[in-house]
Amino acid sequence: MTVDDSLSEESKRQRDGIDNVGAFGMRTGESDLVFFQGILPEINGDVKGSEPVDEQIRMCLDRLELMLENRSASLDDVMKVEVQLADADAAAVVDRAYESRFDAVEFPPRTVVGVCSLPGGADVQLDVIAAEE
């Protein structure tokens, strides 16, 4: 991957791989809200950035469901999703995958954000807020 020389050293490290993406938290304070940040299409720590976008979003959603299950929650408990896309032209593909995964539950509010790059060369990343009820 080409890295712009004008970026800070910290930014360059973050783009070198998922080992340098920073600390992601899952809970703040005594709230019933759970924050899942930086959900990438990865398997065993290996970001699958070379996979097609539809496969990447499927992997992200699989990881999200597993994270929710580990907290005794489900997609019903998702309150907000932010989808970060490195390629805005992939929005329609991501929409179809998203709609098919949330077809049995009410769609949570969602924001789609275009980004320049994501760790590991991924095309998609999710940040999710869920409620433990």
C-alpha atoms as a PDB file:
ATOM      1  CA  MET A   1       0.000   0.000   0.000  1.00  0.00           C
ATOM      2  CA  THR A   2       1.265   3.491  -0.800  1.00  0.00           C
ATOM      3  CA  VAL A   3       1.419   5.834   2.178  1.00  0.00           C
ATOM      4  CA  ASP A   4       1.458   9.602   1.772  1.00  0.00           C
ATOM      5  CA  ASP A   5       4.747  11.032   3.120  1.00  0.00           C
ATOM      6  CA  SER A   6       2.878  13.976   4.631  1.00  0.00           C
ATOM      7  CA  LEU A   7       1.077  11.705   7.120  1.00  0.00           C
ATOM      8  CA  SER A   8       2.279  11.601  10.692  1.00  0.00           C
ATOM      9  CA  GLU A   9       4.345   8.656  11.899  1.00  0.00           C
ATOM     10  CA  GLU A  10       1.356   7.515  13.960  1.00  0.00           C
ATOM     11  CA  SER A  11      -0.882   7.537  10.874  1.00  0.00           C
ATOM     12  CA  LYS A  12       1.707   5.560   8.935  1.00  0.00           C
ATOM     13  CA  ARG A  13       1.890   2.929  11.709  1.00  0.00           C
ATOM     14  CA  GLN A  14      -1.890   2.597  11.723  1.00  0.00           C
ATOM     15  CA  ARG A  15      -1.851   1.867   8.003  1.00  0.00           C
ATOM     16  CA  ASP A  16       0.909  -0.746   8.327  1.00  0.00           C
ATOM     17  CA  GLY A  17      -1.509  -3.332   9.697  1.00  0.00           C
ATOM     18  CA  ILE A  18      -4.051  -4.145  12.334  1.00  0.00           C
ATOM     19  CA  ASP A  19      -1.398  -4.527  15.027  1.00  0.00           C
ATOM     20  CA  ASN A  20      -1.110  -0.722  15.151  1.00  0.00           C
ATOM     21  CA  VAL A  21      -4.720   0.426  14.922  1.00  0.00           C
ATOM     22  CA  GLY A  22      -4.943   1.618  18.510  1.00  0.00           C
ATOM     23  CA  ALA A  23      -6.976   0.582  21.510  1.00  0.00           C
ATOM     24  CA  PHE A  24     -10.639  -0.053  20.908  1.00  0.00           C
ATOM     25  CA  GLY A  25     -12.984  -0.105  23.889  1.00  0.00           C
ATOM     26  CA  MET A  26     -16.253  -1.934  24.301  1.00  0.00           C
ATOM     27  CA  ARG A  27     -17.963  -0.220  27.215  1.00  0.00           C
ATOM     28  CA  THR A  28     -17.917   3.127  28.931  1.00  0.00           C
ATOM     29  CA  GLY A  29     -19.114   3.809  32.446  1.00  0.00           C
ATOM     30  CA  GLU A  30     -22.093   2.036  33.945  1.00  0.00           C
ATOM     31  CA  SER A  31     -24.258   2.268  30.833  1.00  0.00           C
ATOM     32  CA  ASP A  32     -26.188  -0.573  29.249  1.00  0.00           C
ATOM     33  CA  LEU A  33     -24.700   0.503  25.923  1.00  0.00           C
ATOM     34  CA  VAL A  34     -21.962  -1.583  24.342  1.00  0.00           C
ATOM     35  CA  PHE A  35     -19.655  -0.102  21.715  1.00  0.00           C
ATOM     36  CA  PHE A  36     -18.052  -2.349  19.113  1.00  0.00           C
ATOM     37  CA  GLN A  37     -15.393  -0.444  17.210  1.00  0.00           C
ATOM     38  CA  GLY A  38     -13.157  -1.308  14.309  1.00  0.00           C
ATOM     39  CA  ILE A  39     -14.950  -4.465  13.146  1.00  0.00           C
ATOM     40  CA  LEU A  40     -12.884  -5.491  10.134  1.00  0.00           C
ATOM     41  CA  PRO A  41     -13.228  -8.423   7.712  1.00  0.00           C
ATOM     42  CA  GLU A  42     -10.636 -10.507   9.495  1.00  0.00           C
ATOM     43  CA  ILE A  43     -10.066 -14.124  10.366  1.00  0.00           C
ATOM     44  CA  ASN A  44      -7.625 -14.948  13.171  1.00  0.00           C
ATOM     45  CA  GLY A  45      -6.152 -11.444  13.025  1.00  0.00           C
ATOM     46  CA  ASP A  46      -5.638 -11.508   9.252  1.00  0.00           C
ATOM     47  CA  VAL A  47      -7.564  -8.766   7.438  1.00  0.00           C
ATOM     48  CA  LYS A  48      -9.059 -10.129   4.225  1.00  0.00           C
ATOM     49  CA  GLY A  49      -8.726  -6.889   2.237  1.00  0.00           C
ATOM     50  CA  SER A  50      -8.233  -8.720  -1.058  1.00  0.00           C
ATOM     51  CA  GLU A  51     -11.656 -10.420  -0.849  1.00  0.00           C
ATOM     52  CA  PRO A  52     -14.598  -8.948  -2.805  1.00  0.00           C
ATOM     53  CA  VAL A  53     -16.551  -6.272  -0.919  1.00  0.00           C
ATOM     54  CA  ASP A  54     -19.640  -8.472  -0.540  1.00  0.00           C
ATOM     55  CA  GLU A  55     -17.499 -11.111   1.187  1.00  0.00           C
ATOM     56  CA  GLN A  56     -15.833  -8.458   3.390  1.00  0.00           C
ATOM     57  CA  ILE A  57     -19.143  -7.061   4.633  1.00  0.00           C
ATOM     58  CA  ARG A  58     -20.372 -10.617   5.253  1.00  0.00           C
ATOM     59  CA  MET A  59     -17.275 -11.282   7.397  1.00  0.00           C
ATOM     60  CA  CYS A  60     -17.789  -8.028   9.313  1.00  0.00           C
ATOM     61  CA  LEU A  61     -21.424  -8.880  10.003  1.00  0.00           C
ATOM     62  CA  ASP A  62     -20.476 -12.444  11.024  1.00  0.00           C
ATOM     63  CA  ARG A  63     -17.960 -10.995  13.497  1.00  0.00           C
ATOM     64  CA  LEU A  64     -20.576  -8.541  14.787  1.00  0.00           C
ATOM     65  CA  GLU A  65     -23.086 -11.334  15.388  1.00  0.00           C
ATOM     66  CA  LEU A  66     -20.451 -13.372  17.232  1.00  0.00           C
ATOM     67  CA  MET A  67     -19.506 -10.373  19.384  1.00  0.00           C
ATOM     68  CA  LEU A  68     -23.175  -9.805  20.190  1.00  0.00           C
ATOM     69  CA  GLU A  69     -23.718 -13.482  21.027  1.00  0.00           C
ATOM     70  CA  ASN A  70     -20.731 -13.345  23.401  1.00  0.00           C
ATOM     71  CA  ARG A  71     -22.614 -10.634  25.298  1.00  0.00           C
ATOM     72  CA  SER A  72     -25.940 -12.536  25.187  1.00  0.00           C
ATOM     73  CA  ALA A  73     -27.275 -10.092  22.613  1.00  0.00           C
ATOM     74  CA  SER A  74     -28.405 -10.254  18.997  1.00  0.00           C
ATOM     75  CA  LEU A  75     -28.983  -8.020  15.982  1.00  0.00           C
ATOM     76  CA  ASP A  76     -32.262  -6.970  17.671  1.00  0.00           C
ATOM     77  CA  ASP A  77     -30.132  -5.126  20.237  1.00  0.00           C
ATOM     78  CA  VAL A  78     -28.206  -3.037  17.680  1.00  0.00           C
ATOM     79  CA  MET A  79     -29.071   0.639  18.043  1.00  0.00           C
ATOM     80  CA  LYS A  80     -26.704   2.308  15.538  1.00  0.00           C
ATOM     81  CA  VAL A  81     -24.262   1.206  12.848  1.00  0.00           C
ATOM     82  CA  GLU A  82     -21.547   3.211  11.144  1.00  0.00           C
ATOM     83  CA  VAL A  83     -20.266   1.626   7.944  1.00  0.00           C
ATOM     84  CA  GLN A  84     -16.905   2.956   6.777  1.00  0.00           C
ATOM     85  CA  LEU A  85     -16.203   2.356   3.084  1.00  0.00           C
ATOM     86  CA  ALA A  86     -12.908   2.842   1.290  1.00  0.00           C
ATOM     87  CA  ASP A  87     -14.763   2.709  -2.066  1.00  0.00           C
ATOM     88  CA  ALA A  88     -18.006   4.682  -2.287  1.00  0.00           C
ATOM     89  CA  ASP A  89     -18.969   2.696  -5.396  1.00  0.00           C
ATOM     90  CA  ALA A  90     -19.362  -0.374  -3.149  1.00  0.00           C
ATOM     91  CA  ALA A  91     -22.330   1.159  -1.306  1.00  0.00           C
ATOM     92  CA  ALA A  92     -24.959  -0.801  -3.274  1.00  0.00           C
ATOM     93  CA  VAL A  93     -23.206  -4.120  -2.586  1.00  0.00           C
ATOM     94  CA  VAL A  94     -22.941  -3.279   1.112  1.00  0.00           C
ATOM     95  CA  ASP A  95     -26.613  -2.217   1.190  1.00  0.00           C
ATOM     96  CA  ARG A  96     -27.743  -5.589  -0.171  1.00  0.00           C
ATOM     97  CA  ALA A  97     -25.666  -7.525   2.366  1.00  0.00           C
ATOM     98  CA  TYR A  98     -26.825  -5.275   5.204  1.00  0.00           C
ATOM     99  CA  GLU A  99     -30.491  -5.590   4.239  1.00  0.00           C
ATOM    100  CA  SER A 100     -30.281  -9.376   3.963  1.00  0.00           C
ATOM    101  CA  ARG A 101     -28.649  -9.688   7.402  1.00  0.00           C
ATOM    102  CA  PHE A 102     -31.123  -7.385   9.152  1.00  0.00           C
ATOM    103  CA  ASP A 103     -34.167  -8.719   7.266  1.00  0.00           C
ATOM    104  CA  ALA A 104     -35.727 -10.338  10.353  1.00  0.00           C
ATOM    105  CA  VAL A 105     -35.266  -7.310  12.638  1.00  0.00           C
ATOM    106  CA  GLU A 106     -36.027  -3.616  12.497  1.00  0.00           C
ATOM    107  CA  PHE A 107     -33.255  -1.739  10.696  1.00  0.00           C
ATOM    108  CA  PRO A 108     -31.122   0.216  13.152  1.00  0.00           C
ATOM    109  CA  PRO A 109     -30.111   3.746  12.136  1.00  0.00           C
ATOM    110  CA  ARG A 110     -27.054   3.637   9.916  1.00  0.00           C
ATOM    111  CA  THR A 111     -24.453   6.069   8.667  1.00  0.00           C
ATOM    112  CA  VAL A 112     -22.206   5.299   5.699  1.00  0.00           C
ATOM    113  CA  VAL A 113     -18.916   7.201   5.698  1.00  0.00           C
ATOM    114  CA  GLY A 114     -16.367   7.320   2.906  1.00  0.00           C
ATOM    115  CA  VAL A 115     -12.783   6.933   4.097  1.00  0.00           C
ATOM    116  CA  CYS A 116      -9.412   7.082   2.336  1.00  0.00           C
ATOM    117  CA  SER A 117      -8.138   3.768   3.670  1.00  0.00           C
ATOM    118  CA  LEU A 118      -8.756   1.157   6.330  1.00  0.00           C
ATOM    119  CA  PRO A 119      -6.362  -1.098   8.260  1.00  0.00           C
ATOM    120  CA  GLY A 120      -5.063  -4.109   6.378  1.00  0.00           C
ATOM    121  CA  GLY A 121      -6.314  -2.786   3.049  1.00  0.00           C
ATOM    122  CA  ALA A 122      -9.928  -3.575   3.990  1.00  0.00           C
ATOM    123  CA  ASP A 123     -12.741  -1.988   2.004  1.00  0.00           C
ATOM    124  CA  VAL A 124     -15.228  -1.952   4.881  1.00  0.00           C
ATOM    125  CA  GLN A 125     -15.226  -1.516   8.658  1.00  0.00           C
ATOM    126  CA  LEU A 126     -18.079  -1.273  11.174  1.00  0.00           C
ATOM    127  CA  ASP A 127     -18.581   0.657  14.386  1.00  0.00           C
ATOM    128  CA  VAL A 128     -21.697  -0.480  16.248  1.00  0.00           C
ATOM    129  CA  ILE A 129     -23.642   0.588  19.327  1.00  0.00           C
ATOM    130  CA  ALA A 130     -25.855  -2.038  20.951  1.00  0.00           C
ATOM    131  CA  ALA A 131     -27.909  -2.079  24.144  1.00  0.00           C
ATOM    132  CA  GLU A 132     -27.768  -4.811  26.749  1.00  0.00           C
ATOM    133  CA  GLU A 133     -31.353  -5.137  27.905  1.00  0.00           C
END
